[in-house]
PDB file of N, CA and C in Angstrom:
ATOM      1  N   MET A   1      39.260-126.423 -70.927  1.00  0.00           N
ATOM      2  CA  MET A   1      37.922-126.422 -70.513  1.00  0.00           C
ATOM      3  C   MET A   1      37.752-127.973 -69.553  1.00  0.00           C
ATOM      4  N   GLU A   2      38.552-128.883 -69.869  1.00  0.00           N
ATOM      5  CA  GLU A   2      38.322-129.973 -69.137  1.00  0.00           C
ATOM      6  C   GLU A   2      38.366-129.973 -67.644  1.00  0.00           C
ATOM      7  N   ILE A   3      39.352-128.870 -67.164  1.00  0.00           N
ATOM      8  CA  ILE A   3      39.604-128.706 -65.903  1.00  0.00           C
ATOM      9  C   ILE A   3      38.268-128.084 -65.175  1.00  0.00           C
ATOM     10  N   VAL A   4      37.583-127.490 -65.920  1.00  0.00           N
ATOM     11  CA  VAL A   4      36.282-126.837 -65.418  1.00  0.00           C
ATOM     12  C   VAL A   4      35.222-128.032 -65.153  1.00  0.00           C
ATOM     13  N   VAL A   5      35.227-128.893 -66.105  1.00  0.00           N
ATOM     14  CA  VAL A   5      34.313-130.185 -66.325  1.00  0.00           C
ATOM     15  C   VAL A   5      34.668-130.795 -64.767  1.00  0.00           C
ATOM     16  N   TRP A   6      35.832-131.297 -64.656  1.00  0.00           N
ATOM     17  CA  TRP A   6      36.403-132.087 -63.489  1.00  0.00           C
ATOM     18  C   TRP A   6      36.042-131.272 -62.434  1.00  0.00           C
ATOM     19  N   GLY A   7      36.470-130.013 -62.517  1.00  0.00           N
ATOM     20  CA  GLY A   7      36.268-129.386 -61.099  1.00  0.00           C
ATOM     21  C   GLY A   7      34.790-129.078 -60.654  1.00  0.00           C
ATOM     22  N   GLY A   8      33.947-129.064 -61.678  1.00  0.00           N
ATOM     23  CA  GLY A   8      32.493-128.876 -61.522  1.00  0.00           C
ATOM     24  C   GLY A   8      32.004-130.238 -60.958  1.00  0.00           C
ATOM     25  N   ALA A   9      32.480-131.404 -61.402  1.00  0.00           N
ATOM     26  CA  ALA A   9      32.160-132.693 -61.164  1.00  0.00           C
ATOM     27  C   ALA A   9      32.529-132.792 -59.554  1.00  0.00           C
ATOM     28  N   ALA A  10      33.726-132.524 -59.304  1.00  0.00           N
ATOM     29  CA  ALA A  10      33.847-132.351 -57.814  1.00  0.00           C
ATOM     30  C   ALA A  10      33.294-131.662 -56.981  1.00  0.00           C
ATOM     31  N   LEU A  11      32.842-130.415 -57.301  1.00  0.00           N
ATOM     32  CA  LEU A  11      32.032-129.672 -56.406  1.00  0.00           C
ATOM     33  C   LEU A  11      30.427-130.242 -56.574  1.00  0.00           C
ATOM     34  N   THR A  12      30.096-130.700 -57.386  1.00  0.00           N
ATOM     35  CA  THR A  12      28.850-131.482 -57.237  1.00  0.00           C
ATOM     36  C   THR A  12      28.615-132.554 -56.505  1.00  0.00           C
ATOM     37  N   ALA A  13      29.790-133.438 -56.783  1.00  0.00           N
ATOM     38  CA  ALA A  13      30.037-134.607 -55.640  1.00  0.00           C
ATOM     39  C   ALA A  13      29.947-134.046 -54.338  1.00  0.00           C
ATOM     40  N   LEU A  14      30.769-133.137 -53.996  1.00  0.00           N
ATOM     41  CA  LEU A  14      30.817-132.450 -52.623  1.00  0.00           C
ATOM     42  C   LEU A  14      29.589-132.092 -52.218  1.00  0.00           C
ATOM     43  N   GLY A  15      28.963-131.363 -53.003  1.00  0.00           N
ATOM     44  CA  GLY A  15      27.367-130.939 -52.449  1.00  0.00           C
ATOM     45  C   GLY A  15      26.451-132.047 -52.551  1.00  0.00           C
ATOM     46  N   PHE A  16      26.567-133.066 -53.310  1.00  0.00           N
ATOM     47  CA  PHE A  16      25.645-134.476 -53.065  1.00  0.00           C
ATOM     48  C   PHE A  16      26.184-134.862 -51.586  1.00  0.00           C
ATOM     49  N   ALA A  17      27.215-135.121 -51.502  1.00  0.00           N
ATOM     50  CA  ALA A  17      27.636-135.515 -50.056  1.00  0.00           C
ATOM     51  C   ALA A  17      26.989-135.029 -48.987  1.00  0.00           C
ATOM     52  N   GLY A  18      26.970-133.806 -49.098  1.00  0.00           N
ATOM     53  CA  GLY A  18      26.561-132.695 -47.885  1.00  0.00           C
ATOM     54  C   GLY A  18      25.129-132.837 -47.850  1.00  0.00           C
ATOM     55  N   ILE A  19      24.455-132.980 -49.102  1.00  0.00           N
ATOM     56  CA  ILE A  19      22.830-133.348 -49.177  1.00  0.00           C
ATOM     57  C   ILE A  19      22.553-134.716 -48.359  1.00  0.00           C
ATOM     58  N   VAL A  20      23.269-135.826 -48.688  1.00  0.00           N
ATOM     59  CA  VAL A  20      23.272-137.082 -48.259  1.00  0.00           C
ATOM     60  C   VAL A  20      23.360-137.076 -46.605  1.00  0.00           C
ATOM     61  N   TYR A  21      24.707-135.965 -46.044  1.00  0.00           N
ATOM     62  CA  TYR A  21      24.839-135.906 -44.515  1.00  0.00           C
ATOM     63  C   TYR A  21      23.548-135.444 -43.900  1.00  0.00           C
ATOM     64  N   THR A  22      22.770-134.110 -44.532  1.00  0.00           N
ATOM     65  CA  THR A  22      21.630-133.649 -44.038  1.00  0.00           C
ATOM     66  C   THR A  22      20.302-134.557 -44.073  1.00  0.00           C
ATOM     67  N   ILE A  23      20.425-135.326 -44.732  1.00  0.00           N
ATOM     68  CA  ILE A  23      19.144-136.252 -44.935  1.00  0.00           C
ATOM     69  C   ILE A  23      19.539-137.343 -43.671  1.00  0.00           C
ATOM     70  N   LEU A  24      20.746-137.589 -43.725  1.00  0.00           N
ATOM     71  CA  LEU A  24      20.993-138.653 -42.403  1.00  0.00           C
ATOM     72  C   LEU A  24      20.603-138.096 -41.400  1.00  0.00           C
ATOM     73  N   ALA A  25      21.220-136.704 -40.927  1.00  0.00           N
ATOM     74  CA  ALA A  25      21.070-136.039 -39.905  1.00  0.00           C
ATOM     75  C   ALA A  25      19.829-135.736 -39.232  1.00  0.00           C
ATOM     76  N   VAL A  26      18.639-135.435 -40.292  1.00  0.00           N
ATOM     77  CA  VAL A  26      17.505-135.418 -39.745  1.00  0.00           C
ATOM     78  C   VAL A  26      16.754-136.849 -39.577  1.00  0.00           C
ATOM     79  N   ARG A  27      17.182-137.581 -40.496  1.00  0.00           N
ATOM     80  CA  ARG A  27      16.412-138.963 -40.165  1.00  0.00           C
ATOM     81  C   ARG A  27      16.862-139.421 -38.476  1.00  0.00           C
ATOM     82  N   LYS A  28      18.290-139.413 -38.176  1.00  0.00           N
ATOM     83  CA  LYS A  28      18.834-139.662 -36.915  1.00  0.00           C
ATOM     84  C   LYS A  28      17.717-139.080 -35.644  1.00  0.00           C
ATOM     85  N   ALA A  29      17.545-137.510 -36.184  1.00  0.00           N
ATOM     86  CA  ALA A  29      17.239-136.564 -35.122  1.00  0.00           C
ATOM     87  C   ALA A  29      15.714-137.312 -34.755  1.00  0.00           C
ATOM     88  N   LYS A  30      14.961-137.620 -36.105  1.00  0.00           N
ATOM     89  CA  LYS A  30      13.687-137.825 -36.030  1.00  0.00           C
ATOM     90  C   LYS A  30      13.577-139.465 -35.163  1.00  0.00           C
ATOM     91  N   LYS A  31      14.283-140.289 -35.378  1.00  0.00           N
ATOM     92  CA  LYS A  31      14.350-141.424 -34.783  1.00  0.00           C
ATOM     93  C   LYS A  31      14.743-141.578 -33.446  1.00  0.00           C
ATOM     94  N   ALA A  32      15.498-140.098 -32.838  1.00  0.00           N
ATOM     95  CA  ALA A  32      15.893-140.239 -31.658  1.00  0.00           C
ATOM     96  C   ALA A  32      14.750-139.724 -30.463  1.00  0.00           C
ATOM     97  N   ASN A  33      13.457-139.742 -30.991  1.00  0.00           N
ATOM     98  CA  ASN A  33      12.325-139.606 -30.375  1.00  0.00           C
ATOM     99  C   ASN A  33      12.530-138.179 -29.382  1.00  0.00           C
ATOM    100  N   LEU A  34      13.000-137.029 -30.023  1.00  0.00           N
ATOM    101  CA  LEU A  34      12.979-135.822 -29.454  1.00  0.00           C
ATOM    102  C   LEU A  34      11.625-135.144 -29.292  1.00  0.00           C
ATOM    103  N   SER A  35      11.584-134.202 -28.407  1.00  0.00           N
ATOM    104  CA  SER A  35      10.608-133.237 -28.345  1.00  0.00           C
ATOM    105  C   SER A  35      10.225-132.578 -29.439  1.00  0.00           C
ATOM    106  N   ASP A  36       9.122-131.903 -29.728  1.00  0.00           N
ATOM    107  CA  ASP A  36       8.904-131.007 -30.874  1.00  0.00           C
ATOM    108  C   ASP A  36       9.898-129.708 -30.877  1.00  0.00           C
ATOM    109  N   GLU A  37      10.241-129.264 -29.797  1.00  0.00           N
ATOM    110  CA  GLU A  37      11.022-128.103 -29.784  1.00  0.00           C
ATOM    111  C   GLU A  37      12.825-128.719 -30.209  1.00  0.00           C
ATOM    112  N   GLU A  38      13.186-129.556 -29.375  1.00  0.00           N
ATOM    113  CA  GLU A  38      14.306-130.176 -29.629  1.00  0.00           C
ATOM    114  C   GLU A  38      14.356-130.529 -31.108  1.00  0.00           C
ATOM    115  N   LEU A  39      13.618-131.348 -31.825  1.00  0.00           N
ATOM    116  CA  LEU A  39      13.397-131.722 -33.133  1.00  0.00           C
ATOM    117  C   LEU A  39      13.655-130.292 -33.909  1.00  0.00           C
ATOM    118  N   ARG A  40      12.731-129.340 -33.527  1.00  0.00           N
ATOM    119  CA  ARG A  40      12.819-128.069 -34.440  1.00  0.00           C
ATOM    120  C   ARG A  40      14.258-127.337 -34.433  1.00  0.00           C
ATOM    121  N   ALA A  41      14.768-127.515 -33.271  1.00  0.00           N
ATOM    122  CA  ALA A  41      16.328-127.041 -33.065  1.00  0.00           C
ATOM    123  C   ALA A  41      17.161-127.791 -33.756  1.00  0.00           C
ATOM    124  N   GLN A  42      16.996-129.088 -33.703  1.00  0.00           N
ATOM    125  CA  GLN A  42      18.089-129.575 -34.594  1.00  0.00           C
ATOM    126  C   GLN A  42      17.954-129.677 -36.115  1.00  0.00           C
ATOM    127  N   VAL A  43      16.841-129.314 -36.841  1.00  0.00           N
ATOM    128  CA  VAL A  43      16.681-129.253 -38.116  1.00  0.00           C
ATOM    129  C   VAL A  43      17.260-127.671 -38.545  1.00  0.00           C
ATOM    130  N   THR A  44      16.678-126.776 -37.504  1.00  0.00           N
ATOM    131  CA  THR A  44      17.327-125.464 -37.690  1.00  0.00           C
ATOM    132  C   THR A  44      18.728-125.392 -37.918  1.00  0.00           C
ATOM    133  N   ARG A  45      19.431-126.266 -36.692  1.00  0.00           N
ATOM    134  CA  ARG A  45      20.849-126.178 -37.059  1.00  0.00           C
ATOM    135  C   ARG A  45      21.388-127.093 -38.205  1.00  0.00           C
ATOM    136  N   ILE A  46      20.927-127.732 -38.902  1.00  0.00           N
ATOM    137  CA  ILE A  46      21.218-128.721 -40.039  1.00  0.00           C
ATOM    138  C   ILE A  46      20.703-127.970 -41.322  1.00  0.00           C
ATOM    139  N   LEU A  47      19.770-127.102 -41.390  1.00  0.00           N
ATOM    140  CA  LEU A  47      19.007-126.205 -42.628  1.00  0.00           C
ATOM    141  C   LEU A  47      20.408-125.565 -43.324  1.00  0.00           C
ATOM    142  N   PRO A  48      21.175-124.704 -42.686  1.00  0.00           N
ATOM    143  CA  PRO A  48      22.012-123.946 -43.366  1.00  0.00           C
ATOM    144  C   PRO A  48      23.218-125.059 -44.028  1.00  0.00           C
ATOM    145  N   ILE A  49      23.535-126.134 -43.552  1.00  0.00           N
ATOM    146  CA  ILE A  49      24.312-127.219 -44.172  1.00  0.00           C
ATOM    147  C   ILE A  49      23.538-127.676 -45.529  1.00  0.00           C
ATOM    148  N   ASN A  50      22.282-127.891 -45.340  1.00  0.00           N
ATOM    149  CA  ASN A  50      21.508-128.385 -46.470  1.00  0.00           C
ATOM    150  C   ASN A  50      21.479-127.488 -47.566  1.00  0.00           C
ATOM    151  N   LEU A  51      21.177-125.998 -47.409  1.00  0.00           N
ATOM    152  CA  LEU A  51      21.365-124.910 -48.320  1.00  0.00           C
ATOM    153  C   LEU A  51      22.721-124.767 -48.902  1.00  0.00           C
ATOM    154  N   GLY A  52      23.798-124.778 -48.224  1.00  0.00           N
ATOM    155  CA  GLY A  52      24.970-124.582 -48.649  1.00  0.00           C
ATOM    156  C   GLY A  52      25.389-125.857 -49.533  1.00  0.00           C
ATOM    157  N   ALA A  53      25.102-127.093 -49.298  1.00  0.00           N
ATOM    158  CA  ALA A  53      25.347-128.133 -49.863  1.00  0.00           C
ATOM    159  C   ALA A  53      24.427-128.006 -51.347  1.00  0.00           C
ATOM    160  N   LEU A  54      23.405-127.619 -51.077  1.00  0.00           N
ATOM    161  CA  LEU A  54      22.651-127.129 -52.451  1.00  0.00           C
ATOM    162  C   LEU A  54      23.258-126.160 -53.437  1.00  0.00           C
ATOM    163  N   PHE A  55      23.781-125.113 -52.697  1.00  0.00           N
ATOM    164  CA  PHE A  55      24.292-124.275 -53.378  1.00  0.00           C
ATOM    165  C   PHE A  55      25.820-124.463 -54.288  1.00  0.00           C
ATOM    166  N   VAL A  56      26.417-125.491 -53.530  1.00  0.00           N
ATOM    167  CA  VAL A  56      27.653-125.856 -54.090  1.00  0.00           C
ATOM    168  C   VAL A  56      27.529-126.960 -55.027  1.00  0.00           C
ATOM    169  N   SER A  57      26.320-127.846 -54.933  1.00  0.00           N
ATOM    170  CA  SER A  57      26.179-128.533 -56.023  1.00  0.00           C
ATOM    171  C   SER A  57      25.762-127.746 -57.278  1.00  0.00           C
ATOM    172  N   MET A  58      24.894-127.063 -57.207  1.00  0.00           N
ATOM    173  CA  MET A  58      24.282-126.123 -58.295  1.00  0.00           C
ATOM    174  C   MET A  58      25.441-125.574 -58.909  1.00  0.00           C
ATOM    175  N   ILE A  59      26.574-125.212 -58.146  1.00  0.00           N
ATOM    176  CA  ILE A  59      27.288-124.110 -58.877  1.00  0.00           C
ATOM    177  C   ILE A  59      28.503-125.349 -59.612  1.00  0.00           C
ATOM    178  N   GLY A  60      28.497-126.591 -59.063  1.00  0.00           N
ATOM    179  CA  GLY A  60      29.162-127.559 -59.740  1.00  0.00           C
ATOM    180  C   GLY A  60      28.400-127.783 -61.237  1.00  0.00           C
ATOM    181  N   LEU A  61      27.211-128.232 -60.997  1.00  0.00           N
ATOM    182  CA  LEU A  61      26.720-128.551 -62.142  1.00  0.00           C
ATOM    183  C   LEU A  61      26.621-127.153 -63.303  1.00  0.00           C
ATOM    184  N   MET A  62      26.425-125.972 -62.803  1.00  0.00           N
ATOM    185  CA  MET A  62      26.650-124.923 -63.780  1.00  0.00           C
ATOM    186  C   MET A  62      27.961-124.730 -64.420  1.00  0.00           C
ATOM    187  N   ALA A  63      28.954-125.413 -63.761  1.00  0.00           N
ATOM    188  CA  ALA A  63      30.389-125.531 -63.922  1.00  0.00           C
ATOM    189  C   ALA A  63      30.580-126.468 -65.209  1.00  0.00           C
ATOM    190  N   VAL A  64      30.113-127.583 -64.825  1.00  0.00           N
ATOM    191  CA  VAL A  64      29.877-128.765 -65.654  1.00  0.00           C
ATOM    192  C   VAL A  64      29.282-128.447 -67.202  1.00  0.00           C
ATOM    193  N   ILE A  65      28.287-127.708 -67.053  1.00  0.00           N
ATOM    194  CA  ILE A  65      27.448-127.114 -68.578  1.00  0.00           C
ATOM    195  C   ILE A  65      28.389-126.449 -68.944  1.00  0.00           C
ATOM    196  N   ILE A  66      28.826-125.111 -68.433  1.00  0.00           N
ATOM    197  CA  ILE A  66      29.641-124.318 -69.250  1.00  0.00           C
ATOM    198  C   ILE A  66      31.089-124.972 -69.698  1.00  0.00           C
ATOM    199  N   GLY A  67      31.381-125.813 -68.858  1.00  0.00           N
ATOM    200  CA  GLY A  67      32.618-126.607 -69.753  1.00  0.00           C
ATOM    201  C   GLY A  67      32.041-127.077 -71.035  1.00  0.00           C
ATOM    202  N   VAL A  68      31.151-128.016 -70.593  1.00  0.00           N
ATOM    203  CA  VAL A  68      30.603-128.878 -71.863  1.00  0.00           C
ATOM    204  C   VAL A  68      30.437-127.830 -73.024  1.00  0.00           C
ATOM    205  N   ILE A  69      29.837-126.817 -72.747  1.00  0.00           N
ATOM    206  CA  ILE A  69      29.337-126.036 -74.000  1.00  0.00           C
ATOM    207  C   ILE A  69      30.579-125.405 -74.556  1.00  0.00           C
ATOM    208  N   LEU A  70      31.454-125.023 -73.818  1.00  0.00           N
ATOM    209  CA  LEU A  70      32.754-124.328 -74.347  1.00  0.00           C
ATOM    210  C   LEU A  70      33.827-125.158 -74.905  1.00  0.00           C
ATOM    211  N   SER A  71      33.490-126.475 -74.675  1.00  0.00           N
ATOM    212  CA  SER A  71      34.384-127.439 -75.309  1.00  0.00           C
ATOM    213  C   SER A  71      34.507-127.631 -76.719  1.00  0.00           C
TER     214      SER A  71
END
């Protein structure tokens, strides 16, 4: 079960990196002084990446919990 815990930790780290990327991308878009429509388009483009990163992070945390419970 140790491999499940470490695999889950890796997935969680990957998801967290994606979340940090989306935060930085939105911050950069806001500082770029874009028009409302352009900013909305940028955020719309970044949103699926954010949702995917949250999903990967959640799956990783569930794998860690399952690995710890089954150990």
